Amino acid sequence: MLTLDRLGHFALLGDPRFTGTGLMFDGLALLLDHTFRTWEMRKLYAEALEYNLPQFKGAIGRLLEVEGRLRQHTWRQGRWWDRFTLTLERTTWEEYRGRVMRFVTGDRSVT
């Protein structure tokens, strides 16, 4: 959704059968690239429950920043979990875009 503030939200729902294949990462990278190249977004938001946060560990502090935390927000699996708000800024995407897209298009040696 494009707002006057040039903010958007994205979500990724993955199929456990594809965990570890890189397909979810590739799909998300293509979506983010398309979004930033098509619209003048300055920041994109995503939310993640605490038990999903390890899936983002390689990106937090690089591509993604934790901007918010709602403590004991969601009841799942017999307990309360924190909900995190993650952000990706256009300037950060522009800094990492080349490396990410080379990786997505097959150059898996890119770090």
PDB file of N, CA and C in Angstrom:
ATOM      1  N   MET A   1       0.847  -1.170   0.000  1.00  0.00           N
ATOM      2  CA  MET A   1       0.000   0.000   0.000  1.00  0.00           C
ATOM      3  C   MET A   1       0.895   1.236   0.000  1.00  0.00           C
ATOM      4  N   LEU A   2       0.692   2.126  -0.931  1.00  0.00           N
ATOM      5  CA  LEU A   2       1.445   3.364  -0.999  1.00  0.00           C
ATOM      6  C   LEU A   2       0.706   4.427  -0.204  1.00  0.00           C
ATOM      7  N   THR A   3       1.409   5.050   0.715  1.00  0.00           N
ATOM      8  CA  THR A   3       0.821   6.119   1.513  1.00  0.00           C
ATOM      9  C   THR A   3       1.584   7.405   1.233  1.00  0.00           C
ATOM     10  N   LEU A   4       1.061   8.525   1.692  1.00  0.00           N
ATOM     11  CA  LEU A   4       1.765   9.788   1.531  1.00  0.00           C
ATOM     12  C   LEU A   4       3.122   9.756   2.218  1.00  0.00           C
ATOM     13  N   ASP A   5       3.240   8.948   3.243  1.00  0.00           N
ATOM     14  CA  ASP A   5       4.504   8.815   3.960  1.00  0.00           C
ATOM     15  C   ASP A   5       5.477   7.880   3.248  1.00  0.00           C
ATOM     16  N   ARG A   6       5.024   7.269   2.154  1.00  0.00           N
ATOM     17  CA  ARG A   6       5.817   6.331   1.345  1.00  0.00           C
ATOM     18  C   ARG A   6       6.266   5.122   2.172  1.00  0.00           C
ATOM     19  N   LEU A   7       5.311   4.576   2.918  1.00  0.00           N
ATOM     20  CA  LEU A   7       5.531   3.390   3.736  1.00  0.00           C
ATOM     21  C   LEU A   7       4.708   2.248   3.182  1.00  0.00           C
ATOM     22  N   GLY A   8       5.180   1.034   3.368  1.00  0.00           N
ATOM     23  CA  GLY A   8       4.428  -0.134   2.935  1.00  0.00           C
ATOM     24  C   GLY A   8       4.635  -1.276   3.909  1.00  0.00           C
ATOM     25  N   HIS A   9       3.847  -2.306   3.735  1.00  0.00           N
ATOM     26  CA  HIS A   9       3.931  -3.500   4.574  1.00  0.00           C
ATOM     27  C   HIS A   9       4.059  -4.710   3.662  1.00  0.00           C
ATOM     28  N   PHE A  10       4.837  -5.696   4.091  1.00  0.00           N
ATOM     29  CA  PHE A  10       4.936  -6.931   3.322  1.00  0.00           C
ATOM     30  C   PHE A  10       4.873  -8.112   4.278  1.00  0.00           C
ATOM     31  N   ALA A  11       4.496  -9.242   3.719  1.00  0.00           N
ATOM     32  CA  ALA A  11       4.405 -10.469   4.511  1.00  0.00           C
ATOM     33  C   ALA A  11       4.912 -11.631   3.677  1.00  0.00           C
ATOM     34  N   LEU A  12       5.437 -12.613   4.346  1.00  0.00           N
ATOM     35  CA  LEU A  12       5.912 -13.823   3.694  1.00  0.00           C
ATOM     36  C   LEU A  12       5.362 -15.006   4.471  1.00  0.00           C
ATOM     37  N   LEU A  13       4.592 -15.811   3.804  1.00  0.00           N
ATOM     38  CA  LEU A  13       4.091 -17.048   4.391  1.00  0.00           C
ATOM     39  C   LEU A  13       4.750 -18.184   3.635  1.00  0.00           C
ATOM     40  N   GLY A  14       5.549 -18.952   4.340  1.00  0.00           N
ATOM     41  CA  GLY A  14       6.299 -20.009   3.682  1.00  0.00           C
ATOM     42  C   GLY A  14       5.700 -21.380   3.909  1.00  0.00           C
ATOM     43  N   ASP A  15       5.911 -22.235   2.953  1.00  0.00           N
ATOM     44  CA  ASP A  15       5.513 -23.630   3.051  1.00  0.00           C
ATOM     45  C   ASP A  15       6.687 -24.394   3.661  1.00  0.00           C
ATOM     46  N   PRO A  16       6.475 -25.087   4.768  1.00  0.00           N
ATOM     47  CA  PRO A  16       7.579 -25.803   5.425  1.00  0.00           C
ATOM     48  C   PRO A  16       8.319 -26.771   4.505  1.00  0.00           C
ATOM     49  N   ARG A  17       7.662 -27.240   3.451  1.00  0.00           N
ATOM     50  CA  ARG A  17       8.340 -28.155   2.522  1.00  0.00           C
ATOM     51  C   ARG A  17       9.514 -27.481   1.814  1.00  0.00           C
ATOM     52  N   PHE A  18       9.512 -26.151   1.770  1.00  0.00           N
ATOM     53  CA  PHE A  18      10.562 -25.432   1.053  1.00  0.00           C
ATOM     54  C   PHE A  18      11.588 -24.788   1.983  1.00  0.00           C
ATOM     55  N   THR A  19      11.473 -25.055   3.280  1.00  0.00           N
ATOM     56  CA  THR A  19      12.438 -24.522   4.236  1.00  0.00           C
ATOM     57  C   THR A  19      13.830 -25.040   3.886  1.00  0.00           C
ATOM     58  N   GLY A  20      14.774 -24.125   3.857  1.00  0.00           N
ATOM     59  CA  GLY A  20      16.154 -24.503   3.572  1.00  0.00           C
ATOM     60  C   GLY A  20      16.511 -24.582   2.104  1.00  0.00           C
ATOM     61  N   THR A  21      15.555 -24.350   1.214  1.00  0.00           N
ATOM     62  CA  THR A  21      15.841 -24.430  -0.225  1.00  0.00           C
ATOM     63  C   THR A  21      16.301 -23.102  -0.805  1.00  0.00           C
ATOM     64  N   GLY A  22      16.042 -22.015  -0.104  1.00  0.00           N
ATOM     65  CA  GLY A  22      16.367 -20.694  -0.627  1.00  0.00           C
ATOM     66  C   GLY A  22      15.263 -20.085  -1.461  1.00  0.00           C
ATOM     67  N   LEU A  23      14.218 -20.860  -1.751  1.00  0.00           N
ATOM     68  CA  LEU A  23      13.150 -20.355  -2.618  1.00  0.00           C
ATOM     69  C   LEU A  23      12.374 -19.214  -1.972  1.00  0.00           C
ATOM     70  N   MET A  24      12.137 -19.300  -0.671  1.00  0.00           N
ATOM     71  CA  MET A  24      11.402 -18.217  -0.002  1.00  0.00           C
ATOM     72  C   MET A  24      12.238 -16.939   0.009  1.00  0.00           C
ATOM     73  N   PHE A  25      13.530 -17.067   0.241  1.00  0.00           N
ATOM     74  CA  PHE A  25      14.420 -15.903   0.196  1.00  0.00           C
ATOM     75  C   PHE A  25      14.417 -15.285  -1.200  1.00  0.00           C
ATOM     76  N   ASP A  26      14.560 -16.130  -2.215  1.00  0.00           N
ATOM     77  CA  ASP A  26      14.582 -15.635  -3.594  1.00  0.00           C
ATOM     78  C   ASP A  26      13.291 -14.899  -3.936  1.00  0.00           C
ATOM     79  N   GLY A  27      12.164 -15.495  -3.578  1.00  0.00           N
ATOM     80  CA  GLY A  27      10.876 -14.867  -3.871  1.00  0.00           C
ATOM     81  C   GLY A  27      10.710 -13.542  -3.155  1.00  0.00           C
ATOM     82  N   LEU A  28      11.116 -13.496  -1.896  1.00  0.00           N
ATOM     83  CA  LEU A  28      11.014 -12.251  -1.137  1.00  0.00           C
ATOM     84  C   LEU A  28      11.942 -11.189  -1.717  1.00  0.00           C
ATOM     85  N   ALA A  29      13.153 -11.564  -2.079  1.00  0.00           N
ATOM     86  CA  ALA A  29      14.095 -10.597  -2.658  1.00  0.00           C
ATOM     87  C   ALA A  29      13.544 -10.009  -3.949  1.00  0.00           C
ATOM     88  N   LEU A  30      12.952 -10.843  -4.790  1.00  0.00           N
ATOM     89  CA  LEU A  30      12.365 -10.345  -6.041  1.00  0.00           C
ATOM     90  C   LEU A  30      11.192  -9.413  -5.766  1.00  0.00           C
ATOM     91  N   LEU A  31      10.363  -9.752  -4.785  1.00  0.00           N
ATOM     92  CA  LEU A  31       9.235  -8.894  -4.416  1.00  0.00           C
ATOM     93  C   LEU A  31       9.724  -7.539  -3.896  1.00  0.00           C
ATOM     94  N   LEU A  32      10.706  -7.556  -3.010  1.00  0.00           N
ATOM     95  CA  LEU A  32      11.228  -6.306  -2.458  1.00  0.00           C
ATOM     96  C   LEU A  32      11.863  -5.445  -3.541  1.00  0.00           C
ATOM     97  N   ASP A  33      12.623  -6.077  -4.418  1.00  0.00           N
ATOM     98  CA  ASP A  33      13.256  -5.332  -5.502  1.00  0.00           C
ATOM     99  C   ASP A  33      12.207  -4.691  -6.403  1.00  0.00           C
ATOM    100  N   HIS A  34      11.205  -5.459  -6.764  1.00  0.00           N
ATOM    101  CA  HIS A  34      10.120  -4.929  -7.604  1.00  0.00           C
ATOM    102  C   HIS A  34       9.425  -3.760  -6.904  1.00  0.00           C
ATOM    103  N   THR A  35       9.170  -3.909  -5.623  1.00  0.00           N
ATOM    104  CA  THR A  35       8.476  -2.861  -4.867  1.00  0.00           C
ATOM    105  C   THR A  35       9.279  -1.565  -4.860  1.00  0.00           C
ATOM    106  N   PHE A  36      10.556  -1.648  -4.527  1.00  0.00           N
ATOM    107  CA  PHE A  36      11.369  -0.433  -4.465  1.00  0.00           C
ATOM    108  C   PHE A  36      11.609   0.175  -5.847  1.00  0.00           C
ATOM    109  N   ARG A  37      11.676  -0.656  -6.889  1.00  0.00           N
ATOM    110  CA  ARG A  37      11.903  -0.121  -8.236  1.00  0.00           C
ATOM    111  C   ARG A  37      10.635   0.450  -8.855  1.00  0.00           C
ATOM    112  N   THR A  38       9.471  -0.020  -8.419  1.00  0.00           N
ATOM    113  CA  THR A  38       8.206   0.404  -9.018  1.00  0.00           C
ATOM    114  C   THR A  38       7.606   1.611  -8.309  1.00  0.00           C
ATOM    115  N   TRP A  39       7.702   1.643  -6.994  1.00  0.00           N
ATOM    116  CA  TRP A  39       7.098   2.721  -6.214  1.00  0.00           C
ATOM    117  C   TRP A  39       8.178   3.459  -5.429  1.00  0.00           C
ATOM    118  N   GLU A  40       7.891   4.662  -5.065  1.00  0.00           N
ATOM    119  CA  GLU A  40       8.825   5.500  -4.308  1.00  0.00           C
ATOM    120  C   GLU A  40       8.723   5.240  -2.801  1.00  0.00           C
ATOM    121  N   MET A  41       8.686   3.983  -2.437  1.00  0.00           N
ATOM    122  CA  MET A  41       8.650   3.634  -1.015  1.00  0.00           C
ATOM    123  C   MET A  41       9.965   4.034  -0.358  1.00  0.00           C
ATOM    124  N   ARG A  42       9.875   4.527   0.871  1.00  0.00           N
ATOM    125  CA  ARG A  42      11.101   4.808   1.604  1.00  0.00           C
ATOM    126  C   ARG A  42      11.352   3.775   2.695  1.00  0.00           C
ATOM    127  N   LYS A  43      10.280   3.057   3.091  1.00  0.00           N
ATOM    128  CA  LYS A  43      10.426   2.062   4.147  1.00  0.00           C
ATOM    129  C   LYS A  43       9.325   1.022   4.022  1.00  0.00           C
ATOM    130  N   LEU A  44       9.703  -0.250   4.229  1.00  0.00           N
ATOM    131  CA  LEU A  44       8.737  -1.346   4.250  1.00  0.00           C
ATOM    132  C   LEU A  44       8.775  -2.005   5.623  1.00  0.00           C
ATOM    133  N   TYR A  45       7.595  -2.397   6.084  1.00  0.00           N
ATOM    134  CA  TYR A  45       7.451  -3.035   7.391  1.00  0.00           C
ATOM    135  C   TYR A  45       7.005  -4.488   7.238  1.00  0.00           C
ATOM    136  N   ALA A  46       7.451  -5.304   8.174  1.00  0.00           N
ATOM    137  CA  ALA A  46       6.964  -6.677   8.300  1.00  0.00           C
ATOM    138  C   ALA A  46       6.854  -6.984   9.788  1.00  0.00           C
ATOM    139  N   GLU A  47       6.016  -7.938  10.121  1.00  0.00           N
ATOM    140  CA  GLU A  47       5.891  -8.379  11.508  1.00  0.00           C
ATOM    141  C   GLU A  47       6.279  -9.846  11.595  1.00  0.00           C
ATOM    142  N   ALA A  48       6.884 -10.207  12.711  1.00  0.00           N
ATOM    143  CA  ALA A  48       7.287 -11.594  12.927  1.00  0.00           C
ATOM    144  C   ALA A  48       7.070 -11.950  14.387  1.00  0.00           C
ATOM    145  N   LEU A  49       6.564 -13.146  14.605  1.00  0.00           N
ATOM    146  CA  LEU A  49       6.452 -13.642  15.973  1.00  0.00           C
ATOM    147  C   LEU A  49       7.823 -14.110  16.445  1.00  0.00           C
ATOM    148  N   GLU A  50       7.993 -14.077  17.729  1.00  0.00           N
ATOM    149  CA  GLU A  50       9.283 -14.382  18.355  1.00  0.00           C
ATOM    150  C   GLU A  50       9.867 -15.713  17.881  1.00  0.00           C
ATOM    151  N   TYR A  51       9.035 -16.742  17.748  1.00  0.00           N
ATOM    152  CA  TYR A  51       9.570 -18.043  17.353  1.00  0.00           C
ATOM    153  C   TYR A  51      10.007 -18.082  15.894  1.00  0.00           C
ATOM    154  N   ASN A  52       9.612 -17.094  15.097  1.00  0.00           N
ATOM    155  CA  ASN A  52      10.067 -17.009  13.708  1.00  0.00           C
ATOM    156  C   ASN A  52      11.289 -16.112  13.542  1.00  0.00           C
ATOM    157  N   LEU A  53      11.659 -15.384  14.566  1.00  0.00           N
ATOM    158  CA  LEU A  53      12.761 -14.433  14.452  1.00  0.00           C
ATOM    159  C   LEU A  53      14.084 -15.077  14.023  1.00  0.00           C
ATOM    160  N   PRO A  54      14.420 -16.297  14.450  1.00  0.00           N
ATOM    161  CA  PRO A  54      15.679 -16.898  13.998  1.00  0.00           C
ATOM    162  C   PRO A  54      15.795 -17.011  12.470  1.00  0.00           C
ATOM    163  N   GLN A  55      14.677 -17.069  11.772  1.00  0.00           N
ATOM    164  CA  GLN A  55      14.727 -17.138  10.311  1.00  0.00           C
ATOM    165  C   GLN A  55      15.277 -15.849   9.701  1.00  0.00           C
ATOM    166  N   PHE A  56      15.258 -14.766  10.471  1.00  0.00           N
ATOM    167  CA  PHE A  56      15.713 -13.465   9.983  1.00  0.00           C
ATOM    168  C   PHE A  56      17.087 -13.088  10.534  1.00  0.00           C
ATOM    169  N   LYS A  57      17.724 -13.996  11.284  1.00  0.00           N
ATOM    170  CA  LYS A  57      18.947 -13.628  12.004  1.00  0.00           C
ATOM    171  C   LYS A  57      20.046 -13.104  11.086  1.00  0.00           C
ATOM    172  N   GLY A  58      20.151 -13.620   9.870  1.00  0.00           N
ATOM    173  CA  GLY A  58      21.176 -13.140   8.950  1.00  0.00           C
ATOM    174  C   GLY A  58      20.897 -11.757   8.398  1.00  0.00           C
ATOM    175  N   ALA A  59      19.641 -11.339   8.443  1.00  0.00           N
ATOM    176  CA  ALA A  59      19.258 -10.044   7.873  1.00  0.00           C
ATOM    177  C   ALA A  59      19.145  -8.946   8.923  1.00  0.00           C
ATOM    178  N   ILE A  60      18.844  -9.314  10.167  1.00  0.00           N
ATOM    179  CA  ILE A  60      18.684  -8.300  11.215  1.00  0.00           C
ATOM    180  C   ILE A  60      20.045  -7.670  11.507  1.00  0.00           C
ATOM    181  N   GLY A  61      20.055  -6.353  11.471  1.00  0.00           N
ATOM    182  CA  GLY A  61      21.296  -5.621  11.662  1.00  0.00           C
ATOM    183  C   GLY A  61      22.005  -5.306  10.360  1.00  0.00           C
ATOM    184  N   ARG A  62      21.560  -5.925   9.286  1.00  0.00           N
ATOM    185  CA  ARG A  62      22.093  -5.632   7.952  1.00  0.00           C
ATOM    186  C   ARG A  62      20.980  -5.036   7.106  1.00  0.00           C
ATOM    187  N   LEU A  63      20.133  -5.902   6.581  1.00  0.00           N
ATOM    188  CA  LEU A  63      19.005  -5.449   5.760  1.00  0.00           C
ATOM    189  C   LEU A  63      17.842  -4.967   6.609  1.00  0.00           C
ATOM    190  N   LEU A  64      17.552  -5.695   7.657  1.00  0.00           N
ATOM    191  CA  LEU A  64      16.378  -5.402   8.485  1.00  0.00           C
ATOM    192  C   LEU A  64      16.781  -4.843   9.843  1.00  0.00           C
ATOM    193  N   GLU A  65      15.941  -3.966  10.354  1.00  0.00           N
ATOM    194  CA  GLU A  65      16.107  -3.450  11.709  1.00  0.00           C
ATOM    195  C   GLU A  65      14.855  -3.787  12.514  1.00  0.00           C
ATOM    196  N   VAL A  66      15.036  -4.072  13.786  1.00  0.00           N
ATOM    197  CA  VAL A  66      13.900  -4.268  14.687  1.00  0.00           C
ATOM    198  C   VAL A  66      13.488  -2.888  15.180  1.00  0.00           C
ATOM    199  N   GLU A  67      12.288  -2.458  14.812  1.00  0.00           N
ATOM    200  CA  GLU A  67      11.806  -1.135  15.224  1.00  0.00           C
ATOM    201  C   GLU A  67      10.818  -1.200  16.371  1.00  0.00           C
ATOM    202  N   GLY A  68      10.274  -2.371  16.614  1.00  0.00           N
ATOM    203  CA  GLY A  68       9.310  -2.454  17.694  1.00  0.00           C
ATOM    204  C   GLY A  68       9.173  -3.865  18.222  1.00  0.00           C
ATOM    205  N   ARG A  69       8.682  -3.942  19.456  1.00  0.00           N
ATOM    206  CA  ARG A  69       8.458  -5.238  20.099  1.00  0.00           C
ATOM    207  C   ARG A  69       7.242  -5.121  20.993  1.00  0.00           C
ATOM    208  N   LEU A  70       6.253  -5.932  20.719  1.00  0.00           N
ATOM    209  CA  LEU A  70       5.072  -6.026  21.575  1.00  0.00           C
ATOM    210  C   LEU A  70       5.250  -7.279  22.427  1.00  0.00           C
ATOM    211  N   ARG A  71       5.479  -7.076  23.690  1.00  0.00           N
ATOM    212  CA  ARG A  71       5.784  -8.196  24.587  1.00  0.00           C
ATOM    213  C   ARG A  71       4.530  -9.008  24.914  1.00  0.00           C
ATOM    214  N   GLN A  72       4.714 -10.329  24.918  1.00  0.00           N
ATOM    215  CA  GLN A  72       3.642 -11.281  25.228  1.00  0.00           C
ATOM    216  C   GLN A  72       2.356 -10.894  24.510  1.00  0.00           C
ATOM    217  N   HIS A  73       2.444 -10.771  23.226  1.00  0.00           N
ATOM    218  CA  HIS A  73       1.357 -10.242  22.399  1.00  0.00           C
ATOM    219  C   HIS A  73       0.447 -11.325  21.821  1.00  0.00           C
ATOM    220  N   THR A  74       1.006 -12.473  21.474  1.00  0.00           N
ATOM    221  CA  THR A  74       0.250 -13.479  20.731  1.00  0.00           C
ATOM    222  C   THR A  74       0.347 -14.834  21.422  1.00  0.00           C
ATOM    223  N   TRP A  75      -0.806 -15.479  21.593  1.00  0.00           N
ATOM    224  CA  TRP A  75      -0.860 -16.801  22.225  1.00  0.00           C
ATOM    225  C   TRP A  75      -0.756 -17.874  21.144  1.00  0.00           C
ATOM    226  N   ARG A  76       0.296 -18.683  21.208  1.00  0.00           N
ATOM    227  CA  ARG A  76       0.492 -19.792  20.277  1.00  0.00           C
ATOM    228  C   ARG A  76       1.204 -20.919  21.017  1.00  0.00           C
ATOM    229  N   GLN A  77       0.911 -22.126  20.654  1.00  0.00           N
ATOM    230  CA  GLN A  77       1.621 -23.302  21.155  1.00  0.00           C
ATOM    231  C   GLN A  77       1.702 -23.327  22.688  1.00  0.00           C
ATOM    232  N   GLY A  78       0.614 -22.884  23.331  1.00  0.00           N
ATOM    233  CA  GLY A  78       0.527 -22.969  24.780  1.00  0.00           C
ATOM    234  C   GLY A  78       1.263 -21.906  25.571  1.00  0.00           C
ATOM    235  N   ARG A  79       1.661 -20.816  24.903  1.00  0.00           N
ATOM    236  CA  ARG A  79       2.347 -19.743  25.630  1.00  0.00           C
ATOM    237  C   ARG A  79       2.224 -18.421  24.883  1.00  0.00           C
ATOM    238  N   TRP A  80       2.622 -17.350  25.554  1.00  0.00           N
ATOM    239  CA  TRP A  80       2.616 -16.020  24.954  1.00  0.00           C
ATOM    240  C   TRP A  80       3.942 -15.770  24.243  1.00  0.00           C
ATOM    241  N   TRP A  81       3.853 -15.144  23.063  1.00  0.00           N
ATOM    242  CA  TRP A  81       5.040 -14.815  22.272  1.00  0.00           C
ATOM    243  C   TRP A  81       5.066 -13.322  21.978  1.00  0.00           C
ATOM    244  N   ASP A  82       6.278 -12.773  21.904  1.00  0.00           N
ATOM    245  CA  ASP A  82       6.438 -11.376  21.507  1.00  0.00           C
ATOM    246  C   ASP A  82       6.237 -11.249  19.994  1.00  0.00           C
ATOM    247  N   ARG A  83       5.743 -10.084  19.581  1.00  0.00           N
ATOM    248  CA  ARG A  83       5.594  -9.772  18.153  1.00  0.00           C
ATOM    249  C   ARG A  83       6.558  -8.629  17.836  1.00  0.00           C
ATOM    250  N   PHE A  84       7.369  -8.827  16.796  1.00  0.00           N
ATOM    251  CA  PHE A  84       8.378  -7.846  16.406  1.00  0.00           C
ATOM    252  C   PHE A  84       7.967  -7.130  15.129  1.00  0.00           C
ATOM    253  N   THR A  85       8.269  -5.837  15.061  1.00  0.00           N
ATOM    254  CA  THR A  85       8.105  -5.067  13.835  1.00  0.00           C
ATOM    255  C   THR A  85       9.492  -4.878  13.240  1.00  0.00           C
ATOM    256  N   LEU A  86       9.660  -5.374  12.021  1.00  0.00           N
ATOM    257  CA  LEU A  86      10.927  -5.275  11.299  1.00  0.00           C
ATOM    258  C   LEU A  86      10.774  -4.264  10.175  1.00  0.00           C
ATOM    259  N   THR A  87      11.849  -3.540   9.862  1.00  0.00           N
ATOM    260  CA  THR A  87      11.789  -2.566   8.775  1.00  0.00           C
ATOM    261  C   THR A  87      12.950  -2.761   7.811  1.00  0.00           C
ATOM    262  N   LEU A  88      12.665  -2.424   6.570  1.00  0.00           N
ATOM    263  CA  LEU A  88      13.682  -2.362   5.520  1.00  0.00           C
ATOM    264  C   LEU A  88      13.563  -0.990   4.878  1.00  0.00           C
ATOM    265  N   GLU A  89      14.625  -0.207   4.943  1.00  0.00           N
ATOM    266  CA  GLU A  89      14.609   1.127   4.358  1.00  0.00           C
ATOM    267  C   GLU A  89      15.159   1.087   2.938  1.00  0.00           C
ATOM    268  N   ARG A  90      14.654   1.981   2.101  1.00  0.00           N
ATOM    269  CA  ARG A  90      15.103   2.058   0.707  1.00  0.00           C
ATOM    270  C   ARG A  90      16.626   2.198   0.632  1.00  0.00           C
ATOM    271  N   THR A  91      17.201   3.064   1.453  1.00  0.00           N
ATOM    272  CA  THR A  91      18.648   3.281   1.388  1.00  0.00           C
ATOM    273  C   THR A  91      19.418   2.005   1.712  1.00  0.00           C
ATOM    274  N   THR A  92      18.908   1.220   2.645  1.00  0.00           N
ATOM    275  CA  THR A  92      19.548  -0.051   2.982  1.00  0.00           C
ATOM    276  C   THR A  92      19.414  -1.027   1.830  1.00  0.00           C
ATOM    277  N   TRP A  93      18.214  -1.107   1.219  1.00  0.00           N
ATOM    278  CA  TRP A  93      18.022  -1.997   0.072  1.00  0.00           C
ATOM    279  C   TRP A  93      18.975  -1.609  -1.056  1.00  0.00           C
ATOM    280  N   GLU A  94      19.097  -0.321  -1.322  1.00  0.00           N
ATOM    281  CA  GLU A  94      19.980   0.129  -2.398  1.00  0.00           C
ATOM    282  C   GLU A  94      21.431  -0.260  -2.121  1.00  0.00           C
ATOM    283  N   GLU A  95      21.827  -0.238  -0.863  1.00  0.00           N
ATOM    284  CA  GLU A  95      23.188  -0.628  -0.492  1.00  0.00           C
ATOM    285  C   GLU A  95      23.438  -2.118  -0.728  1.00  0.00           C
ATOM    286  N   TYR A  96      22.452  -2.956  -0.419  1.00  0.00           N
ATOM    287  CA  TYR A  96      22.616  -4.411  -0.494  1.00  0.00           C
ATOM    288  C   TYR A  96      22.058  -5.032  -1.772  1.00  0.00           C
ATOM    289  N   ARG A  97      21.316  -4.276  -2.561  1.00  0.00           N
ATOM    290  CA  ARG A  97      20.594  -4.830  -3.706  1.00  0.00           C
ATOM    291  C   ARG A  97      21.493  -5.645  -4.637  1.00  0.00           C
ATOM    292  N   GLY A  98      22.622  -5.111  -5.018  1.00  0.00           N
ATOM    293  CA  GLY A  98      23.505  -5.809  -5.955  1.00  0.00           C
ATOM    294  C   GLY A  98      23.905  -7.180  -5.461  1.00  0.00           C
ATOM    295  N   ARG A  99      24.324  -7.257  -4.213  1.00  0.00           N
ATOM    296  CA  ARG A  99      24.733  -8.545  -3.644  1.00  0.00           C
ATOM    297  C   ARG A  99      23.570  -9.515  -3.556  1.00  0.00           C
ATOM    298  N   VAL A 100      22.422  -9.010  -3.100  1.00  0.00           N
ATOM    299  CA  VAL A 100      21.248  -9.881  -2.952  1.00  0.00           C
ATOM    300  C   VAL A 100      20.818 -10.418  -4.310  1.00  0.00           C
ATOM    301  N   MET A 101      20.736  -9.552  -5.309  1.00  0.00           N
ATOM    302  CA  MET A 101      20.238  -9.986  -6.615  1.00  0.00           C
ATOM    303  C   MET A 101      21.232 -10.908  -7.322  1.00  0.00           C
ATOM    304  N   ARG A 102      22.537 -10.710  -7.134  1.00  0.00           N
ATOM    305  CA  ARG A 102      23.509 -11.661  -7.702  1.00  0.00           C
ATOM    306  C   ARG A 102      23.313 -13.035  -7.069  1.00  0.00           C
ATOM    307  N   PHE A 103      23.073 -13.054  -5.770  1.00  0.00           N
ATOM    308  CA  PHE A 103      22.837 -14.309  -5.065  1.00  0.00           C
ATOM    309  C   PHE A 103      21.580 -14.990  -5.608  1.00  0.00           C
ATOM    310  N   VAL A 104      20.506 -14.223  -5.772  1.00  0.00           N
ATOM    311  CA  VAL A 104      19.227 -14.763  -6.249  1.00  0.00           C
ATOM    312  C   VAL A 104      19.359 -15.309  -7.668  1.00  0.00           C
ATOM    313  N   THR A 105      20.153 -14.656  -8.492  1.00  0.00           N
ATOM    314  CA  THR A 105      20.267 -15.084  -9.891  1.00  0.00           C
ATOM    315  C   THR A 105      21.318 -16.161 -10.099  1.00  0.00           C
ATOM    316  N   GLY A 106      21.858 -16.693  -9.015  1.00  0.00           N
ATOM    317  CA  GLY A 106      22.694 -17.869  -9.156  1.00  0.00           C
ATOM    318  C   GLY A 106      24.106 -17.780  -8.641  1.00  0.00           C
ATOM    319  N   ASP A 107      24.602 -16.604  -8.301  1.00  0.00           N
ATOM    320  CA  ASP A 107      25.955 -16.479  -7.782  1.00  0.00           C
ATOM    321  C   ASP A 107      25.911 -16.681  -6.275  1.00  0.00           C
ATOM    322  N   ARG A 108      25.889 -17.937  -5.849  1.00  0.00           N
ATOM    323  CA  ARG A 108      25.742 -18.265  -4.428  1.00  0.00           C
ATOM    324  C   ARG A 108      27.016 -17.999  -3.626  1.00  0.00           C
ATOM    325  N   SER A 109      28.077 -17.538  -4.276  1.00  0.00           N
ATOM    326  CA  SER A 109      29.306 -17.230  -3.542  1.00  0.00           C
ATOM    327  C   SER A 109      29.254 -15.846  -2.918  1.00  0.00           C
ATOM    328  N   VAL A 110      28.250 -15.049  -3.274  1.00  0.00           N
ATOM    329  CA  VAL A 110      28.130 -13.686  -2.770  1.00  0.00           C
ATOM    330  C   VAL A 110      27.760 -13.728  -1.301  1.00  0.00           C
ATOM    331  N   THR A 111      28.449 -12.934  -0.494  1.00  0.00           N
ATOM    332  CA  THR A 111      28.115 -12.862   0.935  1.00  0.00           C
ATOM    333  C   THR A 111      27.780 -11.449   1.322  1.00  0.00           C
TER     334      THR A 111
END
